[in-house]
Amino acid sequence: MPDAPPRAAPPGAASETPPLPQRLFDNVFLLLALGLVVMLVVYTGWGMWEILTMPAGTLP
């Protein structure tokens, strides 16, 4: 007999947990918090870089 197509697991059977990356990407609030933290760190770092590399101004 040729290879039979895979069958679905019967109801009530122990199902596998999804892999960690899938569980992380399925968590909407974690993605929201991660997006806010990345934006905060990048823009704060960019602003600090601009302030620290600004040449000293001459006073009139």
PDB file of N, CA and C in Angstrom:
ATOM      1  N   MET A   1       0.847  -1.172   0.000  1.00  0.00           N
ATOM      2  CA  MET A   1       0.000   0.000   0.000  1.00  0.00           C
ATOM      3  C   MET A   1       0.898   1.242   0.000  1.00  0.00           C
ATOM      4  N   PRO A   2       0.607   2.238  -0.834  1.00  0.00           N
ATOM      5  CA  PRO A   2       1.431   3.449  -0.860  1.00  0.00           C
ATOM      6  C   PRO A   2       1.286   4.235   0.443  1.00  0.00           C
ATOM      7  N   ASP A   3       2.128   5.232   0.599  1.00  0.00           N
ATOM      8  CA  ASP A   3       2.088   6.054   1.811  1.00  0.00           C
ATOM      9  C   ASP A   3       0.708   6.666   2.002  1.00  0.00           C
ATOM     10  N   ALA A   4       0.158   6.472   3.175  1.00  0.00           N
ATOM     11  CA  ALA A   4      -1.161   7.021   3.489  1.00  0.00           C
ATOM     12  C   ALA A   4      -0.997   8.462   3.950  1.00  0.00           C
ATOM     13  N   PRO A   5      -1.985   9.323   3.665  1.00  0.00           N
ATOM     14  CA  PRO A   5      -1.885  10.710   4.131  1.00  0.00           C
ATOM     15  C   PRO A   5      -1.941  10.752   5.657  1.00  0.00           C
ATOM     16  N   PRO A   6      -1.282  11.732   6.257  1.00  0.00           N
ATOM     17  CA  PRO A   6      -1.306  11.815   7.730  1.00  0.00           C
ATOM     18  C   PRO A   6      -2.723  12.086   8.233  1.00  0.00           C
ATOM     19  N   ARG A   7      -3.021  11.510   9.361  1.00  0.00           N
ATOM     20  CA  ARG A   7      -4.358  11.678   9.942  1.00  0.00           C
ATOM     21  C   ARG A   7      -4.303  12.714  11.053  1.00  0.00           C
ATOM     22  N   ALA A   8      -5.415  13.383  11.243  1.00  0.00           N
ATOM     23  CA  ALA A   8      -5.516  14.357  12.329  1.00  0.00           C
ATOM     24  C   ALA A   8      -5.563  13.615  13.654  1.00  0.00           C
ATOM     25  N   ALA A   9      -5.057  14.265  14.687  1.00  0.00           N
ATOM     26  CA  ALA A   9      -5.074  13.664  16.016  1.00  0.00           C
ATOM     27  C   ALA A   9      -6.522  13.586  16.504  1.00  0.00           C
ATOM     28  N   PRO A  10      -6.884  12.495  17.139  1.00  0.00           N
ATOM     29  CA  PRO A  10      -8.255  12.387  17.658  1.00  0.00           C
ATOM     30  C   PRO A  10      -8.492  13.393  18.765  1.00  0.00           C
ATOM     31  N   PRO A  11      -9.742  13.843  18.922  1.00  0.00           N
ATOM     32  CA  PRO A  11     -10.021  14.787  20.009  1.00  0.00           C
ATOM     33  C   PRO A  11      -9.690  14.167  21.354  1.00  0.00           C
ATOM     34  N   GLY A  12      -9.143  14.966  22.235  1.00  0.00           N
ATOM     35  CA  GLY A  12      -8.781  14.475  23.560  1.00  0.00           C
ATOM     36  C   GLY A  12      -7.356  13.967  23.626  1.00  0.00           C
ATOM     37  N   ALA A  13      -6.685  13.858  22.470  1.00  0.00           N
ATOM     38  CA  ALA A  13      -5.294  13.411  22.484  1.00  0.00           C
ATOM     39  C   ALA A  13      -4.414  14.569  22.965  1.00  0.00           C
ATOM     40  N   ALA A  14      -3.313  14.231  23.583  1.00  0.00           N
ATOM     41  CA  ALA A  14      -2.398  15.266  24.077  1.00  0.00           C
ATOM     42  C   ALA A  14      -1.784  15.981  22.880  1.00  0.00           C
ATOM     43  N   SER A  15      -1.984  17.286  22.832  1.00  0.00           N
ATOM     44  CA  SER A  15      -1.438  18.049  21.711  1.00  0.00           C
ATOM     45  C   SER A  15      -0.107  18.660  22.126  1.00  0.00           C
ATOM     46  N   GLU A  16       0.725  18.897  21.135  1.00  0.00           N
ATOM     47  CA  GLU A  16       2.021  19.499  21.405  1.00  0.00           C
ATOM     48  C   GLU A  16       1.854  20.998  21.616  1.00  0.00           C
ATOM     49  N   THR A  17       2.708  21.567  22.443  1.00  0.00           N
ATOM     50  CA  THR A  17       2.686  23.013  22.620  1.00  0.00           C
ATOM     51  C   THR A  17       3.421  23.650  21.448  1.00  0.00           C
ATOM     52  N   PRO A  18       2.984  24.827  21.015  1.00  0.00           N
ATOM     53  CA  PRO A  18       3.675  25.492  19.904  1.00  0.00           C
ATOM     54  C   PRO A  18       5.093  25.885  20.306  1.00  0.00           C
ATOM     55  N   PRO A  19       5.965  26.037  19.325  1.00  0.00           N
ATOM     56  CA  PRO A  19       7.338  26.437  19.658  1.00  0.00           C
ATOM     57  C   PRO A  19       7.386  27.826  20.296  1.00  0.00           C
ATOM     58  N   LEU A  20       8.483  28.113  20.987  1.00  0.00           N
ATOM     59  CA  LEU A  20       8.622  29.371  21.716  1.00  0.00           C
ATOM     60  C   LEU A  20       8.472  30.595  20.818  1.00  0.00           C
ATOM     61  N   PRO A  21       9.130  30.674  19.636  1.00  0.00           N
ATOM     62  CA  PRO A  21       8.943  31.878  18.811  1.00  0.00           C
ATOM     63  C   PRO A  21       7.477  32.110  18.426  1.00  0.00           C
ATOM     64  N   GLN A  22       6.745  31.054  18.156  1.00  0.00           N
ATOM     65  CA  GLN A  22       5.335  31.224  17.798  1.00  0.00           C
ATOM     66  C   GLN A  22       4.536  31.741  18.985  1.00  0.00           C
ATOM     67  N   ARG A  23       4.840  31.244  20.174  1.00  0.00           N
ATOM     68  CA  ARG A  23       4.127  31.729  21.355  1.00  0.00           C
ATOM     69  C   ARG A  23       4.445  33.192  21.627  1.00  0.00           C
ATOM     70  N   LEU A  24       5.712  33.612  21.372  1.00  0.00           N
ATOM     71  CA  LEU A  24       6.071  35.010  21.578  1.00  0.00           C
ATOM     72  C   LEU A  24       5.368  35.910  20.574  1.00  0.00           C
ATOM     73  N   PHE A  25       5.323  35.504  19.292  1.00  0.00           N
ATOM     74  CA  PHE A  25       4.694  36.326  18.269  1.00  0.00           C
ATOM     75  C   PHE A  25       3.173  36.310  18.373  1.00  0.00           C
ATOM     76  N   ASP A  26       2.600  35.343  19.046  1.00  0.00           N
ATOM     77  CA  ASP A  26       1.154  35.309  19.242  1.00  0.00           C
ATOM     78  C   ASP A  26       0.708  36.213  20.390  1.00  0.00           C
ATOM     79  N   ASN A  27       1.628  36.633  21.227  1.00  0.00           N
ATOM     80  CA  ASN A  27       1.297  37.474  22.377  1.00  0.00           C
ATOM     81  C   ASN A  27       1.317  38.941  21.943  1.00  0.00           C
ATOM     82  N   VAL A  28       0.134  39.516  21.720  1.00  0.00           N
ATOM     83  CA  VAL A  28       0.018  40.871  21.189  1.00  0.00           C
ATOM     84  C   VAL A  28       0.569  41.899  22.165  1.00  0.00           C
ATOM     85  N   PHE A  29       0.303  41.740  23.444  1.00  0.00           N
ATOM     86  CA  PHE A  29       0.749  42.724  24.420  1.00  0.00           C
ATOM     87  C   PHE A  29       2.271  42.701  24.580  1.00  0.00           C
ATOM     88  N   LEU A  30       2.874  41.539  24.449  1.00  0.00           N
ATOM     89  CA  LEU A  30       4.328  41.459  24.490  1.00  0.00           C
ATOM     90  C   LEU A  30       4.929  42.182  23.286  1.00  0.00           C
ATOM     91  N   LEU A  31       4.337  42.013  22.109  1.00  0.00           N
ATOM     92  CA  LEU A  31       4.815  42.713  20.917  1.00  0.00           C
ATOM     93  C   LEU A  31       4.656  44.229  21.069  1.00  0.00           C
ATOM     94  N   LEU A  32       3.539  44.664  21.646  1.00  0.00           N
ATOM     95  CA  LEU A  32       3.327  46.089  21.873  1.00  0.00           C
ATOM     96  C   LEU A  32       4.385  46.650  22.818  1.00  0.00           C
ATOM     97  N   ALA A  33       4.621  45.969  23.924  1.00  0.00           N
ATOM     98  CA  ALA A  33       5.620  46.429  24.892  1.00  0.00           C
ATOM     99  C   ALA A  33       7.011  46.419  24.271  1.00  0.00           C
ATOM    100  N   LEU A  34       7.331  45.401  23.497  1.00  0.00           N
ATOM    101  CA  LEU A  34       8.635  45.326  22.858  1.00  0.00           C
ATOM    102  C   LEU A  34       8.822  46.461  21.849  1.00  0.00           C
ATOM    103  N   GLY A  35       7.770  46.777  21.098  1.00  0.00           N
ATOM    104  CA  GLY A  35       7.841  47.885  20.150  1.00  0.00           C
ATOM    105  C   GLY A  35       8.054  49.212  20.847  1.00  0.00           C
ATOM    106  N   LEU A  36       7.386  49.428  21.972  1.00  0.00           N
ATOM    107  CA  LEU A  36       7.562  50.671  22.718  1.00  0.00           C
ATOM    108  C   LEU A  36       8.959  50.778  23.324  1.00  0.00           C
ATOM    109  N   VAL A  37       9.469  49.681  23.848  1.00  0.00           N
ATOM    110  CA  VAL A  37      10.797  49.696  24.461  1.00  0.00           C
ATOM    111  C   VAL A  37      11.867  49.947  23.396  1.00  0.00           C
ATOM    112  N   VAL A  38      11.745  49.296  22.247  1.00  0.00           N
ATOM    113  CA  VAL A  38      12.728  49.502  21.179  1.00  0.00           C
ATOM    114  C   VAL A  38      12.693  50.948  20.714  1.00  0.00           C
ATOM    115  N   MET A  39      11.507  51.504  20.510  1.00  0.00           N
ATOM    116  CA  MET A  39      11.388  52.895  20.073  1.00  0.00           C
ATOM    117  C   MET A  39      11.982  53.837  21.128  1.00  0.00           C
ATOM    118  N   LEU A  40      11.692  53.607  22.392  1.00  0.00           N
ATOM    119  CA  LEU A  40      12.215  54.446  23.465  1.00  0.00           C
ATOM    120  C   LEU A  40      13.742  54.408  23.498  1.00  0.00           C
ATOM    121  N   VAL A  41      14.312  53.222  23.411  1.00  0.00           N
ATOM    122  CA  VAL A  41      15.769  53.089  23.475  1.00  0.00           C
ATOM    123  C   VAL A  41      16.431  53.722  22.253  1.00  0.00           C
ATOM    124  N   VAL A  42      15.899  53.477  21.064  1.00  0.00           N
ATOM    125  CA  VAL A  42      16.519  53.999  19.842  1.00  0.00           C
ATOM    126  C   VAL A  42      16.457  55.522  19.818  1.00  0.00           C
ATOM    127  N   TYR A  43      15.292  56.104  20.050  1.00  0.00           N
ATOM    128  CA  TYR A  43      15.177  57.556  19.973  1.00  0.00           C
ATOM    129  C   TYR A  43      15.899  58.260  21.114  1.00  0.00           C
ATOM    130  N   THR A  44      15.928  57.666  22.294  1.00  0.00           N
ATOM    131  CA  THR A  44      16.677  58.258  23.391  1.00  0.00           C
ATOM    132  C   THR A  44      18.176  58.205  23.089  1.00  0.00           C
ATOM    133  N   GLY A  45      18.649  57.070  22.584  1.00  0.00           N
ATOM    134  CA  GLY A  45      20.057  56.957  22.211  1.00  0.00           C
ATOM    135  C   GLY A  45      20.428  57.921  21.097  1.00  0.00           C
ATOM    136  N   TRP A  46      19.558  58.063  20.110  1.00  0.00           N
ATOM    137  CA  TRP A  46      19.805  58.982  19.001  1.00  0.00           C
ATOM    138  C   TRP A  46      19.880  60.428  19.519  1.00  0.00           C
ATOM    139  N   GLY A  47      18.964  60.804  20.394  1.00  0.00           N
ATOM    140  CA  GLY A  47      18.970  62.150  20.960  1.00  0.00           C
ATOM    141  C   GLY A  47      20.206  62.417  21.794  1.00  0.00           C
ATOM    142  N   MET A  48      20.608  61.448  22.593  1.00  0.00           N
ATOM    143  CA  MET A  48      21.818  61.620  23.399  1.00  0.00           C
ATOM    144  C   MET A  48      23.047  61.747  22.497  1.00  0.00           C
ATOM    145  N   TRP A  49      23.107  60.953  21.439  1.00  0.00           N
ATOM    146  CA  TRP A  49      24.216  61.037  20.487  1.00  0.00           C
ATOM    147  C   TRP A  49      24.270  62.437  19.853  1.00  0.00           C
ATOM    148  N   GLU A  50      23.129  62.968  19.461  1.00  0.00           N
ATOM    149  CA  GLU A  50      23.088  64.298  18.851  1.00  0.00           C
ATOM    150  C   GLU A  50      23.544  65.373  19.835  1.00  0.00           C
ATOM    151  N   ILE A  51      23.124  65.267  21.082  1.00  0.00           N
ATOM    152  CA  ILE A  51      23.509  66.262  22.081  1.00  0.00           C
ATOM    153  C   ILE A  51      25.003  66.172  22.386  1.00  0.00           C
ATOM    154  N   LEU A  52      25.516  64.969  22.519  1.00  0.00           N
ATOM    155  CA  LEU A  52      26.923  64.801  22.894  1.00  0.00           C
ATOM    156  C   LEU A  52      27.878  65.144  21.759  1.00  0.00           C
ATOM    157  N   THR A  53      27.444  65.017  20.502  1.00  0.00           N
ATOM    158  CA  THR A  53      28.331  65.309  19.384  1.00  0.00           C
ATOM    159  C   THR A  53      28.112  66.731  18.834  1.00  0.00           C
ATOM    160  N   MET A  54      27.269  67.510  19.468  1.00  0.00           N
ATOM    161  CA  MET A  54      27.005  68.880  19.008  1.00  0.00           C
ATOM    162  C   MET A  54      28.206  69.763  19.336  1.00  0.00           C
ATOM    163  N   PRO A  55      28.673  70.540  18.369  1.00  0.00           N
ATOM    164  CA  PRO A  55      29.803  71.420  18.656  1.00  0.00           C
ATOM    165  C   PRO A  55      29.385  72.524  19.622  1.00  0.00           C
ATOM    166  N   ALA A  56      30.358  72.996  20.377  1.00  0.00           N
ATOM    167  CA  ALA A  56      30.088  74.049  21.342  1.00  0.00           C
ATOM    168  C   ALA A  56      29.770  75.352  20.587  1.00  0.00           C
ATOM    169  N   GLY A  57      28.712  76.016  21.002  1.00  0.00           N
ATOM    170  CA  GLY A  57      28.327  77.258  20.360  1.00  0.00           C
ATOM    171  C   GLY A  57      29.134  78.428  20.912  1.00  0.00           C
ATOM    172  N   THR A  58      29.350  79.412  20.058  1.00  0.00           N
ATOM    173  CA  THR A  58      30.050  80.615  20.511  1.00  0.00           C
ATOM    174  C   THR A  58      29.026  81.643  20.940  1.00  0.00           C
ATOM    175  N   LEU A  59      29.261  82.250  22.048  1.00  0.00           N
ATOM    176  CA  LEU A  59      28.353  83.277  22.539  1.00  0.00           C
ATOM    177  C   LEU A  59      28.733  84.625  21.940  1.00  0.00           C
ATOM    178  N   PRO A  60      27.766  85.476  21.625  1.00  0.00           N
ATOM    179  CA  PRO A  60      28.098  86.783  21.034  1.00  0.00           C
ATOM    180  C   PRO A  60      28.765  87.717  22.010  1.00  0.00           C
TER     181      PRO A  60
END
